[in-house]
Amino acid sequence: MVAATATSSYQNRTFFSNFLSSSPYSNLFPLHLRCLKRQSVTSDFTAARIRCKAAVGSTETKLQKKSQYDIENLTIWLLKQEQAGNIDAELTIVLSSISLACKQIASLLRRSSIINLTGAHGTINIQGEDQKKVDFISNEVGFASCGRTGIIALEEEDVPVAVEETYSGNYIVVFDPIDRSANIDTSLTTGSIFGIYGPDEPCLVDINDDSTLDQEKQKCVTSVCQPGSNLLAAGYCLYSSSVVFTLSIGKGVFAFTLDPSHGEFVLTHENIEIPKSGKIYSFNEGNYDLWDEKLKKYLSHLRLPGSNGKAYSGRYIGCLVGEIHRMLLYGGIYGNPKNKNSKNGNLRLLYECAPMSYLVEQAGGIAIDGHQRILDIKP
C-alpha cells in the first residue's frame, strides 16, 4: 500500500499498494472606561458628579481578536456541525462515543506497565496474530462505547456484531482499537482507527422471519463490507506524546488534542491540508530485497536530489496512524507494498486502508494501490 501527497508530480505522489487486506468572555473587557470629574455649576450644594464614557478608537478592532481563552472542544464542534446540517444527532452521539472510547484506551496505555497490561494475552485473533493484553481489553472498550450504532465491526472479531435493539441506531462502525499494539511494550506510538457508514437495508433483519443465524450473519457482513467511497465519516486517535483525535465528516480534516487537565479534546488543527511538496518517505526498507524492481527504482528515485537540491529522507515508525498523522501535517509518501512473503500486503482494507484513504483525500492527497483509487475497492 502506498499513501498520498497533495501534488500530482511523480516524485511527490503517494499510492497505497496491493494489500487487500469557549468561552468568549475574555473579549468582554471594560471599554477602556475614562472617567471625567466635573463640578455642578447650578447649585452650591450639588455634590461632585462622575461622568464616564467609552473611549473611542481601537475598541472594535480589539474585540475582533481571538482570545487565548476562546477555545473550542470536540463536543461544541460536533454540535455546530449538527446545527449546520452537516451531521445528524445520531451521528453526533456515535462520534462522541468513539472519542470517549479513545480517552479510555489512552488511559489504559498510559498505565499499561503499572497495571500489568503489557505482553501477550495468549490468544490469536481472526487475522492470525498473537493478541496483546491491551488488544483484548481495548476490544471490550470498543464494544462498550459503541454509542447508537446498528452494527459494529472490530478487527479482533471474526464477524460484525449487531447492537442490542434497545441501544442501537442506524450507523455501521468499523473500528481498529489498537493499531500496532506491538509498540505498547516499548511505549512507542500506537493509535485507533475508525470508519462510519450509513445504514444498509440487507442488515435490517425482521425478528419474526424464519432466517437462521447464519443468514443473519451473512446480511450483517454484506452490510459492513462497503467500499470506502460510501464512508460518511472516518478518523483516528494517535497515542503518543499527545493524544490527538483526528476526523473528517466529508468537510475537511480537523484534529483535536486531549487536554489532560480538563479531559477534553480541544480543536488544534483546522482544515488540515497536506503540503504540496514533502521531504519524507516511509517504507519498511527491511523488505527491500522482497519488493519488485519497479518499486526499488521508485525508491532510488526518491533518494536523488530534487529540483530544490534535496533528496527525500527515510523515516519509519511502524504504526499506520503515526505515519499518516505526520504525512497530513508535513507531506510526504507512505507505503506498505506487497512483497514476496506477503502477496497482499499487511494492511486491512476495511479497518485501515479505507478510513485512512478517506482522510488523505479530504486533506487534498492521493491514495491508490498502484492501479486504482483505494476508496473504489470493494471488500
Protein backbone atom coordinates (compact mmCIF):
# COMPACT_ATOMS: atom_id res chain seq x y z
CA MET A 1 0.00 0.00 0.00
CA VAL A 2 1.20 3.50 -0.53
CA ALA A 3 -0.30 6.84 0.56
CA ALA A 4 -0.56 10.30 -0.97
CA THR A 5 0.56 13.87 -1.05
CA ALA A 6 -1.30 16.83 -2.43
CA THR A 7 0.74 17.04 -5.60
CA SER A 8 0.41 15.44 -8.98
CA SER A 9 4.15 15.21 -9.73
CA TYR A 10 5.67 11.75 -9.96
CA GLN A 11 8.12 12.38 -7.17
CA ASN A 12 5.58 13.52 -4.63
CA ARG A 13 2.65 11.25 -5.37
CA THR A 14 1.56 8.65 -2.86
CA PHE A 15 -0.04 5.32 -3.56
CA PHE A 16 -1.33 2.57 -1.32
CA SER A 17 -0.07 -0.66 -2.89
CA ASN A 18 -1.77 -4.02 -3.06
CA PHE A 19 -2.93 -5.03 0.37
CA LEU A 20 -6.48 -6.39 0.16
CA SER A 21 -6.21 -6.98 3.37
CA SER A 22 -15.17 28.54 24.77
CA SER A 23 -15.57 30.67 26.33
CA PRO A 24 -15.56 34.10 24.65
CA TYR A 25 -15.98 36.01 27.91
CA SER A 26 -12.41 37.25 27.76
CA ASN A 27 -13.44 39.61 24.96
CA LEU A 28 -15.71 41.47 27.34
CA PHE A 29 -13.03 43.72 28.73
CA PRO A 30 -14.20 47.13 30.06
CA LEU A 31 -14.35 49.52 27.15
CA HIS A 32 -11.32 51.45 28.35
CA LEU A 33 -13.57 53.47 30.63
CA ARG A 34 -12.38 57.01 31.06
CA CYS A 35 -13.82 58.91 33.99
CA LEU A 36 -14.22 62.67 33.88
CA LYS A 37 -14.93 64.59 37.12
CA ARG A 38 -16.98 67.73 36.93
CA GLN A 39 -18.48 70.16 39.45
CA SER A 40 -22.07 71.26 39.12
CA VAL A 41 -22.46 75.00 38.47
CA THR A 42 -26.19 75.18 39.01
CA SER A 43 -26.16 74.71 42.74
CA ASP A 44 -23.78 75.24 45.63
CA PHE A 45 -24.91 72.11 47.45
CA THR A 46 -24.85 69.79 44.48
CA ALA A 47 -22.18 67.15 45.05
CA ALA A 48 -19.43 66.47 42.61
CA ARG A 49 -20.55 64.09 39.93
CA ILE A 50 -18.70 61.45 37.97
CA ARG A 51 -19.39 61.03 34.27
CA CYS A 52 -18.00 58.00 32.40
CA LYS A 53 -17.89 57.37 28.70
CA ALA A 54 -16.28 54.76 26.43
CA ALA A 55 -13.03 55.77 24.79
CA VAL A 56 -13.22 55.93 21.03
CA GLY A 57 -10.58 54.29 18.89
CA SER A 58 -9.30 50.74 18.68
CA THR A 59 -12.07 49.10 20.73
CA GLU A 60 -13.77 47.45 17.74
CA THR A 61 -10.52 46.06 16.44
CA LYS A 62 -9.57 44.58 19.80
CA LEU A 63 -12.94 42.92 20.21
CA GLN A 64 -12.41 41.10 16.91
CA LYS A 65 -9.17 39.47 18.06
CA LYS A 66 -9.45 35.87 19.18
CA SER A 67 -8.75 35.46 22.87
CA GLN A 68 -6.36 32.86 24.19
CA TYR A 69 -9.29 31.54 26.22
CA ASP A 70 -11.60 31.27 23.22
CA ILE A 71 -11.11 27.51 22.68
CA GLU A 72 -13.42 25.02 21.01
CA ASN A 73 -13.69 21.44 22.19
CA LEU A 74 -14.91 18.42 20.25
CA THR A 75 -18.39 18.49 21.80
CA ILE A 76 -19.01 22.10 20.78
CA TRP A 77 -17.58 21.45 17.32
CA LEU A 78 -19.89 18.47 16.78
CA LEU A 79 -22.91 20.49 17.93
CA LYS A 80 -22.02 23.25 15.46
CA GLN A 81 -21.78 20.67 12.67
CA GLU A 82 -25.18 19.33 13.66
CA GLN A 83 -26.68 22.83 13.68
CA ALA A 84 -25.20 23.46 10.25
CA GLY A 85 -26.87 20.29 8.93
CA ASN A 86 -23.58 18.51 8.19
CA ILE A 87 -24.40 15.60 10.53
CA ASP A 88 -27.49 14.44 12.39
CA ALA A 89 -27.99 13.96 16.12
CA GLU A 90 -27.38 10.21 15.92
CA LEU A 91 -24.02 10.61 14.19
CA THR A 92 -23.08 13.22 16.79
CA ILE A 93 -23.67 10.61 19.50
CA VAL A 94 -21.66 7.98 17.62
CA LEU A 95 -18.66 10.27 17.18
CA SER A 96 -18.83 11.39 20.81
CA SER A 97 -18.94 7.75 21.92
CA ILE A 98 -15.90 6.88 19.81
CA SER A 99 -13.98 9.81 21.30
CA LEU A 100 -14.86 8.54 24.78
CA ALA A 101 -13.55 5.08 23.88
CA CYS A 102 -10.31 6.70 22.72
CA LYS A 103 -9.95 8.52 26.04
CA GLN A 104 -10.40 5.23 27.88
CA ILE A 105 -7.86 3.47 25.68
CA ALA A 106 -5.40 6.34 26.14
CA SER A 107 -5.76 6.00 29.91
CA LEU A 108 -5.10 2.25 29.71
CA LEU A 109 -1.99 2.78 27.59
CA ARG A 110 -0.55 5.37 29.96
CA ARG A 111 -0.87 2.93 32.85
CA SER A 112 -0.17 -0.30 30.93
CA SER A 113 3.18 -1.05 32.63
CA ILE A 114 1.81 -0.14 36.05
CA ILE A 115 -1.31 -2.31 35.88
CA ASN A 116 0.40 -5.21 34.08
CA LEU A 117 -1.19 -4.82 30.67
CA THR A 118 1.98 -5.40 28.70
CA GLY A 119 2.84 -8.65 26.99
CA ALA A 120 0.80 -11.28 25.19
CA HIS A 121 -2.71 -12.33 26.12
CA GLY A 122 -2.17 -15.90 24.96
CA THR A 123 -4.81 -15.88 22.21
CA ILE A 124 -4.80 -15.42 18.44
CA ASN A 125 -7.17 -13.06 16.64
CA ILE A 126 -9.06 -13.63 13.40
CA GLN A 127 -6.09 -12.18 11.47
CA GLY A 128 -3.84 -14.94 12.80
CA GLU A 129 -1.89 -12.56 15.04
CA ASP A 130 -0.97 -13.02 18.69
CA GLN A 131 -3.21 -10.78 20.78
CA LYS A 132 -1.70 -8.44 23.34
CA LYS A 133 -3.41 -7.90 26.68
CA VAL A 134 -4.31 -4.36 25.67
CA ASP A 135 -5.75 -5.67 22.38
CA PHE A 136 -8.21 -7.80 24.30
CA ILE A 137 -9.25 -5.06 26.76
CA SER A 138 -9.46 -2.28 24.16
CA ASN A 139 -11.68 -4.53 22.07
CA GLU A 140 -14.09 -4.71 25.02
CA VAL A 141 -13.89 -0.92 25.40
CA GLY A 142 -14.87 -0.60 21.75
CA PHE A 143 -17.97 -2.68 22.34
CA ALA A 144 -18.95 -0.80 25.49
CA SER A 145 -18.55 2.63 23.87
CA CYS A 146 -20.20 1.97 20.53
CA GLY A 147 -22.89 4.60 21.03
CA ARG A 148 -26.07 4.44 18.96
CA THR A 149 -24.70 2.17 16.24
CA GLY A 150 -26.61 -0.58 14.50
CA ILE A 151 -23.62 -2.74 13.59
CA ILE A 152 -20.06 -2.59 14.92
CA ALA A 153 -17.17 -4.49 13.36
CA LEU A 154 -13.89 -4.73 15.25
CA GLU A 155 -10.62 -6.01 13.85
CA GLU A 156 -10.23 -8.56 16.64
CA GLU A 157 -13.64 -10.17 15.91
CA ASP A 158 -14.42 -12.66 13.18
CA VAL A 159 -17.95 -11.34 12.47
CA PRO A 160 -19.70 -7.97 12.86
CA VAL A 161 -21.86 -7.56 15.96
CA ALA A 162 -25.40 -6.23 15.93
CA VAL A 163 -26.03 -3.88 18.86
CA GLU A 164 -28.99 -4.69 21.10
CA GLU A 165 -32.11 -3.04 19.69
CA THR A 166 -32.76 -1.02 22.87
CA TYR A 167 -29.47 0.87 22.45
CA SER A 168 -28.89 0.58 18.72
CA GLY A 169 -29.09 3.11 15.93
CA ASN A 170 -28.64 3.03 12.19
CA TYR A 171 -24.93 3.63 11.63
CA ILE A 172 -22.31 0.99 10.91
CA VAL A 173 -18.93 1.43 12.60
CA VAL A 174 -15.68 -0.33 11.71
CA PHE A 175 -13.11 0.06 14.47
CA ASP A 176 -9.49 -0.99 14.96
CA PRO A 177 -8.98 -0.31 18.70
CA ILE A 178 -5.18 -0.62 18.71
CA ASP A 179 -3.09 -0.13 15.59
CA ARG A 180 0.43 -1.57 16.06
CA SER A 181 -0.11 -2.97 19.56
CA ALA A 182 3.43 -4.42 19.42
CA ASN A 183 4.67 -0.88 20.16
CA ILE A 184 2.94 -0.79 23.57
CA ASP A 185 5.58 -2.76 25.49
CA THR A 186 8.23 -0.24 24.45
CA SER A 187 5.99 2.84 24.88
CA LEU A 188 6.09 3.76 21.19
CA THR A 189 3.37 5.31 19.04
CA THR A 190 0.06 3.48 18.64
CA GLY A 191 -3.42 4.53 17.58
CA SER A 192 -7.06 3.68 16.93
CA ILE A 193 -8.78 3.86 13.52
CA PHE A 194 -12.49 4.10 12.76
CA GLY A 195 -14.86 4.48 9.83
CA ILE A 196 -18.61 5.13 9.81
CA TYR A 197 -21.04 4.00 7.11
CA GLY A 198 -24.72 4.69 6.65
CA PRO A 199 -27.48 2.13 7.24
CA ASP A 200 -27.83 -0.65 4.72
CA GLU A 201 -31.13 -2.49 4.20
CA PRO A 202 -29.72 -6.04 3.87
CA CYS A 203 -28.72 -5.97 7.55
CA LEU A 204 -32.14 -4.97 8.88
CA VAL A 205 -33.48 -8.39 9.82
CA ASP A 206 -37.09 -8.94 10.83
CA ILE A 207 -37.09 -10.81 14.15
CA ASN A 208 -40.31 -12.58 13.14
CA ASP A 209 -38.98 -14.14 9.97
CA ASP A 210 -37.53 -17.63 9.59
CA SER A 211 -33.94 -16.58 8.97
CA THR A 212 -31.29 -18.74 10.52
CA LEU A 213 -28.41 -17.25 12.49
CA ASP A 214 -26.04 -17.92 9.61
CA GLN A 215 -28.27 -15.96 7.26
CA GLU A 216 -28.41 -13.04 9.67
CA LYS A 217 -24.64 -13.04 9.98
CA GLN A 218 -24.33 -13.03 6.21
CA LYS A 219 -26.62 -10.00 5.95
CA CYS A 220 -24.53 -8.11 8.51
CA VAL A 221 -21.30 -8.96 6.74
CA THR A 222 -22.80 -7.73 3.46
CA SER A 223 -23.84 -4.50 5.18
CA VAL A 224 -20.41 -3.83 6.65
CA CYS A 225 -18.39 -4.70 3.54
CA GLN A 226 -18.86 -1.45 1.66
CA PRO A 227 -16.30 0.44 -0.43
CA GLY A 228 -14.60 3.39 1.23
CA SER A 229 -16.41 5.77 -1.12
CA ASN A 230 -19.54 5.12 0.99
CA LEU A 231 -17.90 6.40 4.18
CA LEU A 232 -19.78 9.20 5.93
CA ALA A 233 -17.00 9.88 8.44
CA ALA A 234 -13.62 8.48 9.38
CA GLY A 235 -10.76 9.23 11.70
CA TYR A 236 -8.08 8.04 14.05
CA CYS A 237 -6.76 8.70 17.53
CA LEU A 238 -3.00 8.98 17.97
CA TYR A 239 -1.49 7.87 21.28
CA SER A 240 1.96 9.39 21.63
CA SER A 241 3.44 12.39 23.46
CA SER A 242 -0.03 13.86 22.91
CA VAL A 243 -3.38 12.19 22.33
CA VAL A 244 -4.77 13.54 19.06
CA PHE A 245 -8.27 12.76 17.75
CA THR A 246 -8.43 13.46 14.01
CA LEU A 247 -11.59 13.12 11.94
CA SER A 248 -13.44 14.13 8.82
CA ILE A 249 -17.17 14.23 8.13
CA GLY A 250 -16.59 14.99 4.46
CA LYS A 251 -15.92 18.69 5.05
CA GLY A 252 -12.15 18.70 5.50
CA VAL A 253 -9.92 17.23 8.21
CA PHE A 254 -9.84 18.51 11.80
CA ALA A 255 -7.62 17.45 14.71
CA PHE A 256 -8.34 17.76 18.43
CA THR A 257 -5.68 17.38 21.11
CA LEU A 258 -6.61 15.95 24.51
CA ASP A 259 -6.16 18.47 27.32
CA PRO A 260 -5.35 16.23 30.30
CA SER A 261 -6.21 18.95 32.82
CA HIS A 262 -9.83 19.03 31.65
CA GLY A 263 -10.23 15.67 29.92
CA GLU A 264 -11.47 17.40 26.75
CA PHE A 265 -10.39 17.15 23.12
CA VAL A 266 -9.58 20.73 22.05
CA LEU A 267 -9.52 21.86 18.42
CA THR A 268 -5.88 22.47 17.49
CA HIS A 269 -5.74 21.91 13.70
CA GLU A 270 -8.46 23.25 11.39
CA ASN A 271 -8.91 22.24 7.76
CA ILE A 272 -5.67 20.28 7.51
CA GLU A 273 -4.17 20.29 4.02
CA ILE A 274 -1.24 18.11 3.01
CA PRO A 275 1.69 20.29 1.88
CA LYS A 276 2.22 20.20 -1.87
CA SER A 277 5.83 19.08 -1.50
CA GLY A 278 7.08 16.72 1.17
CA LYS A 279 10.54 15.60 2.21
CA ILE A 280 9.92 12.28 3.96
CA TYR A 281 9.16 8.82 2.61
CA SER A 282 8.10 5.99 4.88
CA PHE A 283 8.55 2.35 3.85
CA ASN A 284 9.76 -0.66 5.78
CA GLU A 285 13.04 -0.97 3.92
CA GLY A 286 13.82 -4.18 5.76
CA ASN A 287 11.71 -5.77 2.99
CA TYR A 288 13.67 -4.07 0.20
CA ASP A 289 15.01 -7.29 -1.29
CA LEU A 290 11.48 -8.75 -1.34
CA TRP A 291 9.99 -5.93 -3.46
CA ASP A 292 9.64 -5.89 -7.23
CA GLU A 293 12.15 -3.99 -9.37
CA LYS A 294 9.78 -1.13 -10.23
CA LEU A 295 9.31 -0.23 -6.59
CA LYS A 296 13.04 -0.41 -5.96
CA LYS A 297 13.63 2.03 -8.82
CA TYR A 298 10.99 4.36 -7.42
CA LEU A 299 12.68 4.48 -4.02
CA SER A 300 16.06 5.03 -5.67
CA HIS A 301 14.49 7.98 -7.49
CA LEU A 302 13.26 9.45 -4.18
CA ARG A 303 16.79 9.36 -2.78
CA LEU A 304 18.10 11.55 -5.62
CA PRO A 305 18.21 15.34 -5.05
CA GLY A 306 15.13 17.07 -6.41
CA SER A 307 14.73 20.50 -8.02
CA ASN A 308 15.48 22.10 -4.66
CA GLY A 309 18.73 20.16 -4.35
CA LYS A 310 17.44 17.98 -1.52
CA ALA A 311 16.54 14.29 -1.53
CA TYR A 312 13.77 12.61 0.43
CA SER A 313 14.67 11.31 3.91
CA GLY A 314 13.54 7.89 5.10
CA ARG A 315 11.52 7.69 8.34
CA TYR A 316 9.58 4.66 9.54
CA ILE A 317 7.53 4.49 12.76
CA GLY A 318 5.89 1.13 12.10
CA CYS A 319 2.45 2.46 13.06
CA LEU A 320 -0.01 3.43 10.33
CA VAL A 321 -1.67 6.10 12.49
CA GLY A 322 1.66 7.75 13.26
CA GLU A 323 2.79 7.64 9.63
CA ILE A 324 -0.43 9.17 8.27
CA HIS A 325 -0.56 11.80 11.03
CA ARG A 326 2.93 13.01 10.11
CA MET A 327 2.09 12.99 6.41
CA LEU A 328 -1.07 15.06 6.92
CA LEU A 329 0.95 17.74 8.69
CA TYR A 330 4.26 17.66 6.78
CA GLY A 331 3.51 15.92 3.49
CA GLY A 332 5.48 13.06 2.03
CA ILE A 333 4.87 9.49 0.95
CA TYR A 334 3.82 6.39 2.88
CA GLY A 335 3.78 2.87 1.52
CA ASN A 336 3.15 -0.66 2.71
CA PRO A 337 3.56 -2.61 -0.53
CA LYS A 338 3.21 -6.29 -1.24
CA ASN A 339 6.35 -8.42 -1.22
CA LYS A 340 7.39 -11.98 -1.96
CA ASN A 341 6.39 -13.15 1.52
CA SER A 342 3.15 -11.18 1.69
CA LYS A 343 1.39 -11.19 -1.65
CA ASN A 344 -1.48 -8.99 -0.44
CA GLY A 345 0.47 -6.64 1.82
CA ASN A 346 -0.04 -6.26 5.56
CA LEU A 347 -2.87 -3.72 5.81
CA ARG A 348 -6.62 -4.39 6.03
CA LEU A 349 -8.84 -2.64 3.54
CA LEU A 350 -11.89 -2.32 5.78
CA TYR A 351 -10.32 -1.25 9.08
CA GLU A 352 -7.18 0.61 7.98
CA CYS A 353 -6.80 1.50 4.31
CA ALA A 354 -10.31 2.79 3.57
CA PRO A 355 -10.62 5.14 6.60
CA MET A 356 -7.07 6.47 6.18
CA SER A 357 -7.53 6.94 2.43
CA TYR A 358 -10.70 8.91 3.17
CA LEU A 359 -8.71 11.28 5.42
CA VAL A 360 -5.87 11.59 2.91
CA GLU A 361 -8.25 12.60 0.12
CA GLN A 362 -10.13 15.02 2.39
CA ALA A 363 -6.78 16.69 3.09
CA GLY A 364 -6.02 17.05 -0.63
CA GLY A 365 -3.86 13.96 -1.11
CA ILE A 366 -3.99 10.85 -3.26
CA ALA A 367 -4.50 7.28 -2.06
CA ILE A 368 -4.12 4.47 -4.60
CA ASP A 369 -2.98 0.86 -4.65
CA GLY A 370 -0.75 1.42 -7.66
CA HIS A 371 -3.60 0.74 -10.07
CA GLN A 372 -6.78 2.34 -8.76
CA ARG A 373 -8.24 4.60 -6.09
CA ILE A 374 -8.41 2.75 -2.78
CA LEU A 375 -11.85 4.14 -1.89
CA ASP A 376 -13.28 2.46 -5.00
CA ILE A 377 -12.14 -1.04 -3.99
CA LYS A 378 -14.92 -3.28 -2.70
CA PRO A 379 -14.09 -5.61 0.22
